[in-house]
C-alpha cells in the first residue's frame, strides 16, 4: 500500500468515526517492549492483544510508510485477537510506529501502536 492510499484510508476512518463500533478497540500493551523484561510492557510470548473487536472483520497492521505488515481475519464473536508481533513472513517487526486498522461491515476503526525493541 502506498502513502497516498494510506492517507485516503485514514481520511475515510476519520469521516466514519461517528459510525464506529460501540466499544473502543484497544491494542495493549502500547508501547510494546517485548525485550524490556517487564510484564506490563509485554513479552515476546504475550504479543499485543487487541480487545473490543467486532464480531467479524479484518485486522490490518501497517508500517508508518504504509507497507502492509499483516492482515488477519477476525473470528466470529471472539472479541479479542492476539498478534504475535510478527509480519506475514513470520519475522518479528522492528522498533517503530505502526498503524492498525480494523474493518467490519459497519465501520472502520484505526489506531497507532509503538514497538520498542
PDB file of N, CA and C in Angstrom:
ATOM      1  N   UNK A   1       0.854  -1.174   0.000  1.00  0.00           N
ATOM      2  CA  UNK A   1       0.000   0.000   0.000  1.00  0.00           C
ATOM      3  C   UNK A   1       0.895   1.230   0.000  1.00  0.00           C
ATOM      4  N   UNK A   2       0.648   2.152  -0.919  1.00  0.00           N
ATOM      5  CA  UNK A   2       1.475   3.346  -0.961  1.00  0.00           C
ATOM      6  C   UNK A   2       0.929   4.420  -0.026  1.00  0.00           C
ATOM      7  N   UNK A   3       1.688   5.496   0.134  1.00  0.00           N
ATOM      8  CA  UNK A   3       1.317   6.555   1.079  1.00  0.00           C
ATOM      9  C   UNK A   3      -0.004   7.220   0.709  1.00  0.00           C
ATOM     10  N   UNK A   4      -0.247   7.422  -0.570  1.00  0.00           N
ATOM     11  CA  UNK A   4      -1.482   8.085  -0.995  1.00  0.00           C
ATOM     12  C   UNK A   4      -2.700   7.267  -0.593  1.00  0.00           C
ATOM     13  N   UNK A   5      -2.638   5.955  -0.785  1.00  0.00           N
ATOM     14  CA  UNK A   5      -3.757   5.089  -0.406  1.00  0.00           C
ATOM     15  C   UNK A   5      -3.928   5.087   1.099  1.00  0.00           C
ATOM     16  N   UNK A   6      -2.822   5.033   1.851  1.00  0.00           N
ATOM     17  CA  UNK A   6      -2.901   5.044   3.310  1.00  0.00           C
ATOM     18  C   UNK A   6      -3.521   6.341   3.804  1.00  0.00           C
ATOM     19  N   UNK A   7      -3.134   7.473   3.221  1.00  0.00           N
ATOM     20  CA  UNK A   7      -3.705   8.751   3.632  1.00  0.00           C
ATOM     21  C   UNK A   7      -5.192   8.805   3.325  1.00  0.00           C
ATOM     22  N   UNK A   8      -5.605   8.268   2.183  1.00  0.00           N
ATOM     23  CA  UNK A   8      -7.031   8.230   1.844  1.00  0.00           C
ATOM     24  C   UNK A   8      -7.786   7.339   2.821  1.00  0.00           C
ATOM     25  N   UNK A   9      -7.183   6.219   3.184  1.00  0.00           N
ATOM     26  CA  UNK A   9      -7.800   5.311   4.153  1.00  0.00           C
ATOM     27  C   UNK A   9      -7.969   5.995   5.498  1.00  0.00           C
ATOM     28  N   UNK A  10      -6.947   6.731   5.936  1.00  0.00           N
ATOM     29  CA  UNK A  10      -7.032   7.463   7.202  1.00  0.00           C
ATOM     30  C   UNK A  10      -8.142   8.501   7.145  1.00  0.00           C
ATOM     31  N   UNK A  11      -8.291   9.194   6.008  1.00  0.00           N
ATOM     32  CA  UNK A  11      -9.354  10.183   5.859  1.00  0.00           C
ATOM     33  C   UNK A  11     -10.721   9.520   5.970  1.00  0.00           C
ATOM     34  N   UNK A  12     -10.876   8.368   5.357  1.00  0.00           N
ATOM     35  CA  UNK A  12     -12.137   7.632   5.452  1.00  0.00           C
ATOM     36  C   UNK A  12     -12.409   7.231   6.893  1.00  0.00           C
ATOM     37  N   UNK A  13     -11.360   6.822   7.616  1.00  0.00           N
ATOM     38  CA  UNK A  13     -11.546   6.407   9.007  1.00  0.00           C
ATOM     39  C   UNK A  13     -12.038   7.564   9.853  1.00  0.00           C
ATOM     40  N   UNK A  14     -11.511   8.763   9.645  1.00  0.00           N
ATOM     41  CA  UNK A  14     -11.947   9.906  10.435  1.00  0.00           C
ATOM     42  C   UNK A  14     -13.369  10.305  10.081  1.00  0.00           C
ATOM     43  N   UNK A  15     -13.728  10.206   8.810  1.00  0.00           N
ATOM     44  CA  UNK A  15     -15.076  10.558   8.379  1.00  0.00           C
ATOM     45  C   UNK A  15     -16.094   9.582   8.971  1.00  0.00           C
ATOM     46  N   UNK A  16     -15.751   8.312   9.044  1.00  0.00           N
ATOM     47  CA  UNK A  16     -16.691   7.305   9.526  1.00  0.00           C
ATOM     48  C   UNK A  16     -16.644   7.129  11.043  1.00  0.00           C
ATOM     49  N   UNK A  17     -15.912   7.985  11.728  1.00  0.00           N
ATOM     50  CA  UNK A  17     -15.761   7.813  13.170  1.00  0.00           C
ATOM     51  C   UNK A  17     -17.104   7.832  13.896  1.00  0.00           C
ATOM     52  N   UNK A  18     -18.096   8.545  13.369  1.00  0.00           N
ATOM     53  CA  UNK A  18     -19.400   8.584  14.012  1.00  0.00           C
ATOM     54  C   UNK A  18     -20.068   7.218  13.986  1.00  0.00           C
ATOM     55  N   UNK A  19     -19.688   6.371  13.038  1.00  0.00           N
ATOM     56  CA  UNK A  19     -20.282   5.047  12.923  1.00  0.00           C
ATOM     57  C   UNK A  19     -19.365   3.972  13.486  1.00  0.00           C
ATOM     58  N   UNK A  20     -18.520   4.322  14.392  1.00  0.00           N
ATOM     59  CA  UNK A  20     -17.540   3.397  14.938  1.00  0.00           C
ATOM     60  C   UNK A  20     -18.231   2.325  15.764  1.00  0.00           C
ATOM     61  N   UNK A  21     -17.570   1.233  15.885  1.00  0.00           N
ATOM     62  CA  UNK A  21     -18.034   0.135  16.711  1.00  0.00           C
ATOM     63  C   UNK A  21     -18.348   0.682  18.106  1.00  0.00           C
ATOM     64  N   UNK A  22     -19.343   0.138  18.770  1.00  0.00           N
ATOM     65  CA  UNK A  22     -19.800   0.679  20.052  1.00  0.00           C
ATOM     66  C   UNK A  22     -18.671   0.804  21.076  1.00  0.00           C
ATOM     67  N   UNK A  23     -17.888  -0.224  21.237  1.00  0.00           N
ATOM     68  CA  UNK A  23     -16.787  -0.183  22.211  1.00  0.00           C
ATOM     69  C   UNK A  23     -15.501   0.181  21.490  1.00  0.00           C
ATOM     70  N   UNK A  24     -14.673   0.974  22.114  1.00  0.00           N
ATOM     71  CA  UNK A  24     -13.391   1.339  21.517  1.00  0.00           C
ATOM     72  C   UNK A  24     -12.447   0.154  21.508  1.00  0.00           C
ATOM     73  N   UNK A  25     -11.754   0.012  20.417  1.00  0.00           N
ATOM     74  CA  UNK A  25     -10.766  -1.057  20.286  1.00  0.00           C
ATOM     75  C   UNK A  25      -9.498  -0.631  21.012  1.00  0.00           C
ATOM     76  N   UNK A  26      -8.907  -1.548  21.719  1.00  0.00           N
ATOM     77  CA  UNK A  26      -7.686  -1.288  22.481  1.00  0.00           C
ATOM     78  C   UNK A  26      -6.610  -2.257  21.999  1.00  0.00           C
ATOM     79  N   UNK A  27      -5.420  -1.734  21.774  1.00  0.00           N
ATOM     80  CA  UNK A  27      -4.251  -2.566  21.482  1.00  0.00           C
ATOM     81  C   UNK A  27      -3.316  -2.420  22.680  1.00  0.00           C
ATOM     82  N   UNK A  28      -3.042  -3.514  23.373  1.00  0.00           N
ATOM     83  CA  UNK A  28      -2.230  -3.431  24.589  1.00  0.00           C
ATOM     84  C   UNK A  28      -1.284  -4.619  24.684  1.00  0.00           C
ATOM     85  N   UNK A  29      -0.106  -4.426  25.234  1.00  0.00           N
ATOM     86  CA  UNK A  29       0.410  -3.162  25.756  1.00  0.00           C
ATOM     87  C   UNK A  29       0.850  -2.242  24.628  1.00  0.00           C
ATOM     88  N   UNK A  30       0.783  -0.965  24.901  1.00  0.00           N
ATOM     89  CA  UNK A  30       1.192   0.042  23.931  1.00  0.00           C
ATOM     90  C   UNK A  30       1.843   1.190  24.688  1.00  0.00           C
ATOM     91  N   UNK A  31       3.151   1.335  24.610  1.00  0.00           N
ATOM     92  CA  UNK A  31       4.073   0.668  23.692  1.00  0.00           C
ATOM     93  C   UNK A  31       4.345  -0.776  24.104  1.00  0.00           C
ATOM     94  N   UNK A  32       4.700  -1.571  23.108  1.00  0.00           N
ATOM     95  CA  UNK A  32       5.081  -2.967  23.333  1.00  0.00           C
ATOM     96  C   UNK A  32       6.595  -3.015  23.374  1.00  0.00           C
ATOM     97  N   UNK A  33       7.121  -3.435  24.510  1.00  0.00           N
ATOM     98  CA  UNK A  33       8.577  -3.518  24.721  1.00  0.00           C
ATOM     99  C   UNK A  33       8.903  -4.971  25.074  1.00  0.00           C
ATOM    100  N   UNK A  34       8.880  -5.867  24.087  1.00  0.00           N
ATOM    101  CA  UNK A  34       8.991  -7.296  24.372  1.00  0.00           C
ATOM    102  C   UNK A  34      10.316  -7.724  24.991  1.00  0.00           C
ATOM    103  N   UNK A  35      11.372  -6.960  24.794  1.00  0.00           N
ATOM    104  CA  UNK A  35      12.674  -7.333  25.338  1.00  0.00           C
ATOM    105  C   UNK A  35      13.003  -6.568  26.611  1.00  0.00           C
ATOM    106  N   UNK A  36      12.029  -5.831  27.151  1.00  0.00           N
ATOM    107  CA  UNK A  36      12.283  -4.978  28.313  1.00  0.00           C
ATOM    108  C   UNK A  36      12.287  -5.694  29.650  1.00  0.00           C
ATOM    109  N   UNK A  37      11.772  -6.907  29.709  1.00  0.00           N
ATOM    110  CA  UNK A  37      11.784  -7.667  30.953  1.00  0.00           C
ATOM    111  C   UNK A  37      10.728  -7.239  31.965  1.00  0.00           C
ATOM    112  N   UNK A  38       9.736  -6.436  31.538  1.00  0.00           N
ATOM    113  CA  UNK A  38       8.669  -6.014  32.445  1.00  0.00           C
ATOM    114  C   UNK A  38       7.336  -6.515  31.901  1.00  0.00           C
ATOM    115  N   UNK A  39       6.590  -7.221  32.725  1.00  0.00           N
ATOM    116  CA  UNK A  39       5.330  -7.816  32.285  1.00  0.00           C
ATOM    117  C   UNK A  39       4.347  -6.766  31.768  1.00  0.00           C
ATOM    118  N   UNK A  40       4.316  -5.589  32.378  1.00  0.00           N
ATOM    119  CA  UNK A  40       3.337  -4.577  31.975  1.00  0.00           C
ATOM    120  C   UNK A  40       3.618  -3.961  30.598  1.00  0.00           C
ATOM    121  N   UNK A  41       4.847  -4.113  30.076  1.00  0.00           N
ATOM    122  CA  UNK A  41       5.146  -3.591  28.743  1.00  0.00           C
ATOM    123  C   UNK A  41       5.204  -4.705  27.702  1.00  0.00           C
ATOM    124  N   UNK A  42       4.901  -5.911  28.097  1.00  0.00           N
ATOM    125  CA  UNK A  42       4.770  -7.009  27.163  1.00  0.00           C
ATOM    126  C   UNK A  42       5.980  -7.924  27.062  1.00  0.00           C
ATOM    127  N   UNK A  43       5.736  -9.059  26.451  1.00  0.00           N
ATOM    128  CA  UNK A  43       6.766 -10.067  26.233  1.00  0.00           C
ATOM    129  C   UNK A  43       6.632 -10.605  24.806  1.00  0.00           C
ATOM    130  N   UNK A  44       7.675 -11.256  24.331  1.00  0.00           N
ATOM    131  CA  UNK A  44       7.578 -11.894  23.011  1.00  0.00           C
ATOM    132  C   UNK A  44       6.467 -12.934  22.994  1.00  0.00           C
ATOM    133  N   UNK A  45       6.387 -13.723  24.053  1.00  0.00           N
ATOM    134  CA  UNK A  45       5.380 -14.782  24.125  1.00  0.00           C
ATOM    135  C   UNK A  45       3.961 -14.212  24.194  1.00  0.00           C
ATOM    136  N   UNK A  46       3.804 -13.063  24.839  1.00  0.00           N
ATOM    137  CA  UNK A  46       2.476 -12.479  25.026  1.00  0.00           C
ATOM    138  C   UNK A  46       1.955 -11.700  23.841  1.00  0.00           C
ATOM    139  N   UNK A  47       2.845 -11.105  23.060  1.00  0.00           N
ATOM    140  CA  UNK A  47       2.429 -10.321  21.902  1.00  0.00           C
ATOM    141  C   UNK A  47       1.608  -9.105  22.278  1.00  0.00           C
ATOM    142  N   UNK A  48       0.796  -8.656  21.345  1.00  0.00           N
ATOM    143  CA  UNK A  48      -0.076  -7.499  21.533  1.00  0.00           C
ATOM    144  C   UNK A  48      -1.520  -7.981  21.402  1.00  0.00           C
ATOM    145  N   UNK A  49      -2.341  -7.653  22.365  1.00  0.00           N
ATOM    146  CA  UNK A  49      -3.729  -8.088  22.370  1.00  0.00           C
ATOM    147  C   UNK A  49      -4.644  -6.953  21.943  1.00  0.00           C
ATOM    148  N   UNK A  50      -5.466  -7.216  20.941  1.00  0.00           N
ATOM    149  CA  UNK A  50      -6.495  -6.281  20.508  1.00  0.00           C
ATOM    150  C   UNK A  50      -7.793  -6.704  21.179  1.00  0.00           C
ATOM    151  N   UNK A  51      -8.440  -5.760  21.859  1.00  0.00           N
ATOM    152  CA  UNK A  51      -9.669  -6.050  22.605  1.00  0.00           C
ATOM    153  C   UNK A  51     -10.821  -5.215  22.063  1.00  0.00           C
ATOM    154  N   UNK A  52     -12.024  -5.635  22.345  1.00  0.00           N
ATOM    155  CA  UNK A  52     -13.265  -4.962  21.939  1.00  0.00           C
ATOM    156  C   UNK A  52     -13.442  -4.962  20.429  1.00  0.00           C
ATOM    157  N   UNK A  53     -13.059  -6.048  19.798  1.00  0.00           N
ATOM    158  CA  UNK A  53     -13.157  -6.159  18.347  1.00  0.00           C
ATOM    159  C   UNK A  53     -14.582  -6.501  17.922  1.00  0.00           C
ATOM    160  N   UNK A  54     -14.951  -6.144  16.679  1.00  0.00           N
ATOM    161  CA  UNK A  54     -16.270  -6.530  16.186  1.00  0.00           C
ATOM    162  C   UNK A  54     -16.349  -8.044  16.006  1.00  0.00           C
ATOM    163  N   UNK A  55     -17.559  -8.544  15.872  1.00  0.00           N
ATOM    164  CA  UNK A  55     -17.760  -9.991  15.738  1.00  0.00           C
ATOM    165  C   UNK A  55     -17.104 -10.549  14.485  1.00  0.00           C
ATOM    166  N   UNK A  56     -17.078  -9.762  13.417  1.00  0.00           N
ATOM    167  CA  UNK A  56     -16.457 -10.207  12.167  1.00  0.00           C
ATOM    168  C   UNK A  56     -15.749  -9.030  11.522  1.00  0.00           C
ATOM    169  N   UNK A  57     -14.711  -9.329  10.776  1.00  0.00           N
ATOM    170  CA  UNK A  57     -13.983  -8.284  10.067  1.00  0.00           C
ATOM    171  C   UNK A  57     -12.554  -8.703   9.832  1.00  0.00           C
ATOM    172  N   UNK A  58     -11.699  -7.694   9.632  1.00  0.00           N
ATOM    173  CA  UNK A  58     -10.283  -7.952   9.396  1.00  0.00           C
ATOM    174  C   UNK A  58      -9.448  -6.928  10.139  1.00  0.00           C
ATOM    175  N   UNK A  59      -8.281  -7.376  10.583  1.00  0.00           N
ATOM    176  CA  UNK A  59      -7.293  -6.520  11.233  1.00  0.00           C
ATOM    177  C   UNK A  59      -6.103  -6.387  10.296  1.00  0.00           C
ATOM    178  N   UNK A  60      -5.704  -5.152  10.053  1.00  0.00           N
ATOM    179  CA  UNK A  60      -4.533  -4.863   9.230  1.00  0.00           C
ATOM    180  C   UNK A  60      -3.532  -4.101  10.088  1.00  0.00           C
ATOM    181  N   UNK A  61      -2.251  -4.393   9.936  1.00  0.00           N
ATOM    182  CA  UNK A  61      -1.198  -3.627  10.586  1.00  0.00           C
ATOM    183  C   UNK A  61      -0.275  -3.126   9.482  1.00  0.00           C
ATOM    184  N   UNK A  62       0.010  -1.815   9.514  1.00  0.00           N
ATOM    185  CA  UNK A  62       0.844  -1.170   8.501  1.00  0.00           C
ATOM    186  C   UNK A  62       2.043  -0.494   9.154  1.00  0.00           C
ATOM    187  N   UNK A  63       3.121  -0.384   8.391  1.00  0.00           N
ATOM    188  CA  UNK A  63       4.256   0.419   8.829  1.00  0.00           C
ATOM    189  C   UNK A  63       3.885   1.890   8.661  1.00  0.00           C
ATOM    190  N   UNK A  64       4.704   2.745   9.224  1.00  0.00           N
ATOM    191  CA  UNK A  64       4.490   4.179   9.102  1.00  0.00           C
ATOM    192  C   UNK A  64       4.531   4.625   7.642  1.00  0.00           C
ATOM    193  N   UNK A  65       5.296   3.920   6.818  1.00  0.00           N
ATOM    194  CA  UNK A  65       5.382   4.262   5.398  1.00  0.00           C
ATOM    195  C   UNK A  65       4.249   3.663   4.572  1.00  0.00           C
ATOM    196  N   UNK A  66       3.335   2.933   5.212  1.00  0.00           N
ATOM    197  CA  UNK A  66       2.166   2.402   4.526  1.00  0.00           C
ATOM    198  C   UNK A  66       2.286   0.996   4.000  1.00  0.00           C
ATOM    199  N   UNK A  67       3.372   0.306   4.319  1.00  0.00           N
ATOM    200  CA  UNK A  67       3.528  -1.082   3.878  1.00  0.00           C
ATOM    201  C   UNK A  67       2.748  -2.016   4.796  1.00  0.00           C
ATOM    202  N   UNK A  68       2.048  -2.965   4.196  1.00  0.00           N
ATOM    203  CA  UNK A  68       1.277  -3.930   4.973  1.00  0.00           C
ATOM    204  C   UNK A  68       2.214  -4.870   5.715  1.00  0.00           C
ATOM    205  N   UNK A  69       2.022  -4.983   7.033  1.00  0.00           N
ATOM    206  CA  UNK A  69       2.806  -5.893   7.862  1.00  0.00           C
ATOM    207  C   UNK A  69       2.088  -7.223   7.983  1.00  0.00           C
ATOM    208  N   UNK A  70       0.793  -7.165   8.299  1.00  0.00           N
ATOM    209  CA  UNK A  70      -0.003  -8.383   8.425  1.00  0.00           C
ATOM    210  C   UNK A  70      -1.476  -8.062   8.225  1.00  0.00           C
ATOM    211  N   UNK A  71      -2.194  -9.055   7.762  1.00  0.00           N
ATOM    212  CA  UNK A  71      -3.646  -8.988   7.593  1.00  0.00           C
ATOM    213  C   UNK A  71      -4.208 -10.231   8.258  1.00  0.00           C
ATOM    214  N   UNK A  72      -5.122 -10.033   9.200  1.00  0.00           N
ATOM    215  CA  UNK A  72      -5.664 -11.162   9.954  1.00  0.00           C
ATOM    216  C   UNK A  72      -7.184 -11.129   9.943  1.00  0.00           C
ATOM    217  N   UNK A  73      -7.831 -12.251   9.626  1.00  0.00           N
ATOM    218  CA  UNK A  73      -9.291 -12.290   9.740  1.00  0.00           C
ATOM    219  C   UNK A  73      -9.682 -12.335  11.213  1.00  0.00           C
ATOM    220  N   UNK A  74     -10.795 -11.706  11.548  1.00  0.00           N
ATOM    221  CA  UNK A  74     -11.297 -11.740  12.919  1.00  0.00           C
ATOM    222  C   UNK A  74     -12.325 -12.854  13.018  1.00  0.00           C
ATOM    223  N   UNK A  75     -12.129 -13.725  13.981  1.00  0.00           N
ATOM    224  CA  UNK A  75     -13.004 -14.876  14.176  1.00  0.00           C
ATOM    225  C   UNK A  75     -14.332 -14.400  14.745  1.00  0.00           C
ATOM    226  N   UNK A  76     -15.392 -14.921  14.196  1.00  0.00           N
ATOM    227  CA  UNK A  76     -16.735 -14.512  14.587  1.00  0.00           C
ATOM    228  C   UNK A  76     -16.957 -14.600  16.093  1.00  0.00           C
ATOM    229  N   UNK A  77     -17.247 -13.446  16.678  1.00  0.00           N
ATOM    230  CA  UNK A  77     -17.618 -13.398  18.081  1.00  0.00           C
ATOM    231  C   UNK A  77     -16.494 -13.460  19.091  1.00  0.00           C
ATOM    232  N   UNK A  78     -15.242 -13.567  18.672  1.00  0.00           N
ATOM    233  CA  UNK A  78     -14.145 -13.717  19.627  1.00  0.00           C
ATOM    234  C   UNK A  78     -13.943 -12.469  20.477  1.00  0.00           C
ATOM    235  N   UNK A  79     -14.017 -11.287  19.871  1.00  0.00           N
ATOM    236  CA  UNK A  79     -13.855 -10.045  20.623  1.00  0.00           C
ATOM    237  C   UNK A  79     -12.423  -9.647  20.916  1.00  0.00           C
ATOM    238  N   UNK A  80     -11.500 -10.606  20.840  1.00  0.00           N
ATOM    239  CA  UNK A  80     -10.084 -10.317  21.062  1.00  0.00           C
ATOM    240  C   UNK A  80      -9.251 -11.028  19.997  1.00  0.00           C
ATOM    241  N   UNK A  81      -8.063 -10.492  19.785  1.00  0.00           N
ATOM    242  CA  UNK A  81      -7.108 -11.128  18.887  1.00  0.00           C
ATOM    243  C   UNK A  81      -5.725 -10.858  19.428  1.00  0.00           C
ATOM    244  N   UNK A  82      -4.899 -11.881  19.485  1.00  0.00           N
ATOM    245  CA  UNK A  82      -3.529 -11.732  19.960  1.00  0.00           C
ATOM    246  C   UNK A  82      -2.590 -11.773  18.770  1.00  0.00           C
ATOM    247  N   UNK A  83      -1.926 -10.635  18.532  1.00  0.00           N
ATOM    248  CA  UNK A  83      -0.955 -10.546  17.445  1.00  0.00           C
ATOM    249  C   UNK A  83       0.423 -10.813  18.015  1.00  0.00           C
ATOM    250  N   UNK A  84       1.153 -11.700  17.390  1.00  0.00           N
ATOM    251  CA  UNK A  84       2.474 -12.122  17.864  1.00  0.00           C
ATOM    252  C   UNK A  84       3.554 -11.063  17.690  1.00  0.00           C
ATOM    253  N   UNK A  85       3.261 -10.010  16.930  1.00  0.00           N
ATOM    254  CA  UNK A  85       4.291  -9.013  16.641  1.00  0.00           C
ATOM    255  C   UNK A  85       5.146  -9.408  15.450  1.00  0.00           C
ATOM    256  N   UNK A  86       4.660 -10.406  14.703  1.00  0.00           N
ATOM    257  CA  UNK A  86       5.393 -10.872  13.529  1.00  0.00           C
ATOM    258  C   UNK A  86       4.683 -10.422  12.256  1.00  0.00           C
ATOM    259  N   UNK A  87       5.475 -10.227  11.208  1.00  0.00           N
ATOM    260  CA  UNK A  87       4.901  -9.895   9.914  1.00  0.00           C
ATOM    261  C   UNK A  87       4.436 -11.179   9.227  1.00  0.00           C
ATOM    262  N   UNK A  88       3.942 -11.050   8.016  1.00  0.00           N
ATOM    263  CA  UNK A  88       3.435 -12.224   7.297  1.00  0.00           C
ATOM    264  C   UNK A  88       4.544 -13.173   6.843  1.00  0.00           C
ATOM    265  N   UNK A  89       5.806 -12.765   7.010  1.00  0.00           N
ATOM    266  CA  UNK A  89       6.945 -13.657   6.737  1.00  0.00           C
ATOM    267  C   UNK A  89       7.432 -14.344   8.008  1.00  0.00           C
ATOM    268  N   UNK A  90       6.638 -14.229   9.100  1.00  0.00           N
ATOM    269  CA  UNK A  90       6.935 -14.865  10.380  1.00  0.00           C
ATOM    270  C   UNK A  90       8.201 -14.308  11.043  1.00  0.00           C
ATOM    271  N   UNK A  91       8.489 -13.022  10.809  1.00  0.00           N
ATOM    272  CA  UNK A  91       9.627 -12.341  11.410  1.00  0.00           C
ATOM    273  C   UNK A  91       9.112 -11.242  12.326  1.00  0.00           C
ATOM    274  N   UNK A  92       9.713 -11.106  13.516  1.00  0.00           N
ATOM    275  CA  UNK A  92       9.296 -10.032  14.423  1.00  0.00           C
ATOM    276  C   UNK A  92       9.537  -8.674  13.793  1.00  0.00           C
ATOM    277  N   UNK A  93       8.603  -7.755  14.003  1.00  0.00           N
ATOM    278  CA  UNK A  93       8.747  -6.418  13.449  1.00  0.00           C
ATOM    279  C   UNK A  93       9.812  -5.639  14.214  1.00  0.00           C
ATOM    280  N   UNK A  94      10.351  -4.638  13.565  1.00  0.00           N
ATOM    281  CA  UNK A  94      11.379  -3.793  14.159  1.00  0.00           C
ATOM    282  C   UNK A  94      10.742  -2.709  15.029  1.00  0.00           C
ATOM    283  N   UNK A  95      11.570  -2.001  15.772  1.00  0.00           N
ATOM    284  CA  UNK A  95      11.099  -0.850  16.535  1.00  0.00           C
ATOM    285  C   UNK A  95      10.476   0.155  15.594  1.00  0.00           C
ATOM    286  N   UNK A  96       9.422   0.793  16.044  1.00  0.00           N
ATOM    287  CA  UNK A  96       8.809   1.826  15.228  1.00  0.00           C
ATOM    288  C   UNK A  96       7.357   2.055  15.577  1.00  0.00           C
ATOM    289  N   UNK A  97       6.757   2.944  14.820  1.00  0.00           N
ATOM    290  CA  UNK A  97       5.341   3.254  14.958  1.00  0.00           C
ATOM    291  C   UNK A  97       4.592   2.485  13.874  1.00  0.00           C
ATOM    292  N   UNK A  98       3.505   1.868  14.255  1.00  0.00           N
ATOM    293  CA  UNK A  98       2.679   1.083  13.336  1.00  0.00           C
ATOM    294  C   UNK A  98       1.242   1.549  13.446  1.00  0.00           C
ATOM    295  N   UNK A  99       0.529   1.470  12.340  1.00  0.00           N
ATOM    296  CA  UNK A  99      -0.898   1.769  12.308  1.00  0.00           C
ATOM    297  C   UNK A  99      -1.665   0.466  12.234  1.00  0.00           C
ATOM    298  N   UNK A 100      -2.739   0.363  13.000  1.00  0.00           N
ATOM    299  CA  UNK A 100      -3.624  -0.780  12.860  1.00  0.00           C
ATOM    300  C   UNK A 100      -4.973  -0.265  12.363  1.00  0.00           C
ATOM    301  N   UNK A 101      -5.631  -1.085  11.574  1.00  0.00           N
ATOM    302  CA  UNK A 101      -6.944  -0.765  11.018  1.00  0.00           C
ATOM    303  C   UNK A 101      -7.822  -1.996  11.194  1.00  0.00           C
ATOM    304  N   UNK A 102      -9.005  -1.790  11.739  1.00  0.00           N
ATOM    305  CA  UNK A 102      -9.991  -2.865  11.848  1.00  0.00           C
ATOM    306  C   UNK A 102     -11.168  -2.477  10.971  1.00  0.00           C
ATOM    307  N   UNK A 103     -11.479  -3.353  10.029  1.00  0.00           N
ATOM    308  CA  UNK A 103     -12.617  -3.133   9.133  1.00  0.00           C
ATOM    309  C   UNK A 103     -13.686  -4.162   9.449  1.00  0.00           C
ATOM    310  N   UNK A 104     -14.901  -3.687   9.591  1.00  0.00           N
ATOM    311  CA  UNK A 104     -16.042  -4.588   9.731  1.00  0.00           C
ATOM    312  C   UNK A 104     -17.089  -4.141   8.721  1.00  0.00           C
ATOM    313  N   UNK A 105     -18.207  -4.835   8.681  1.00  0.00           N
ATOM    314  CA  UNK A 105     -19.260  -4.476   7.736  1.00  0.00           C
ATOM    315  C   UNK A 105     -19.837  -3.099   8.043  1.00  0.00           C
ATOM    316  N   UNK A 106     -19.779  -2.681   9.309  1.00  0.00           N
ATOM    317  CA  UNK A 106     -20.419  -1.435   9.723  1.00  0.00           C
ATOM    318  C   UNK A 106     -19.473  -0.256   9.901  1.00  0.00           C
ATOM    319  N   UNK A 107     -18.187  -0.501  10.126  1.00  0.00           N
ATOM    320  CA  UNK A 107     -17.307   0.604  10.471  1.00  0.00           C
ATOM    321  C   UNK A 107     -15.853   0.278  10.178  1.00  0.00           C
ATOM    322  N   UNK A 108     -15.054   1.320  10.212  1.00  0.00           N
ATOM    323  CA  UNK A 108     -13.601   1.209  10.127  1.00  0.00           C
ATOM    324  C   UNK A 108     -13.045   1.940  11.330  1.00  0.00           C
ATOM    325  N   UNK A 109     -12.125   1.316  12.006  1.00  0.00           N
ATOM    326  CA  UNK A 109     -11.512   1.909  13.200  1.00  0.00           C
ATOM    327  C   UNK A 109     -10.016   1.781  13.059  1.00  0.00           C
ATOM    328  N   UNK A 110      -9.275   2.778  13.540  1.00  0.00           N
ATOM    329  CA  UNK A 110      -7.814   2.731  13.406  1.00  0.00           C
ATOM    330  C   UNK A 110      -7.144   3.242  14.665  1.00  0.00           C
ATOM    331  N   UNK A 111      -5.860   2.970  14.755  1.00  0.00           N
ATOM    332  CA  UNK A 111      -5.079   3.452  15.876  1.00  0.00           C
ATOM    333  C   UNK A 111      -3.600   3.261  15.590  1.00  0.00           C
ATOM    334  N   UNK A 112      -2.793   3.655  16.549  1.00  0.00           N
ATOM    335  CA  UNK A 112      -1.343   3.523  16.428  1.00  0.00           C
ATOM    336  C   UNK A 112      -0.844   2.633  17.544  1.00  0.00           C
ATOM    337  N   UNK A 113       0.255   1.988  17.268  1.00  0.00           N
ATOM    338  CA  UNK A 113       0.945   1.264  18.333  1.00  0.00           C
ATOM    339  C   UNK A 113       2.445   1.435  18.121  1.00  0.00           C
ATOM    340  N   UNK A 114       3.159   1.333  19.200  1.00  0.00           N
ATOM    341  CA  UNK A 114       4.603   1.549  19.173  1.00  0.00           C
ATOM    342  C   UNK A 114       5.286   0.264  19.614  1.00  0.00           C
ATOM    343  N   UNK A 115       6.327  -0.093  18.890  1.00  0.00           N
ATOM    344  CA  UNK A 115       7.153  -1.259  19.233  1.00  0.00           C
ATOM    345  C   UNK A 115       8.540  -0.722  19.567  1.00  0.00           C
ATOM    346  N   UNK A 116       9.022  -1.091  20.737  1.00  0.00           N
ATOM    347  CA  UNK A 116      10.378  -0.701  21.157  1.00  0.00           C
ATOM    348  C   UNK A 116      11.154  -1.971  21.409  1.00  0.00           C
ATOM    349  N   UNK A 117      12.169  -2.205  20.573  1.00  0.00           N
ATOM    350  CA  UNK A 117      12.974  -3.421  20.665  1.00  0.00           C
ATOM    351  C   UNK A 117      14.327  -3.110  21.263  1.00  0.00           C
TER     352      UNK A 117
END
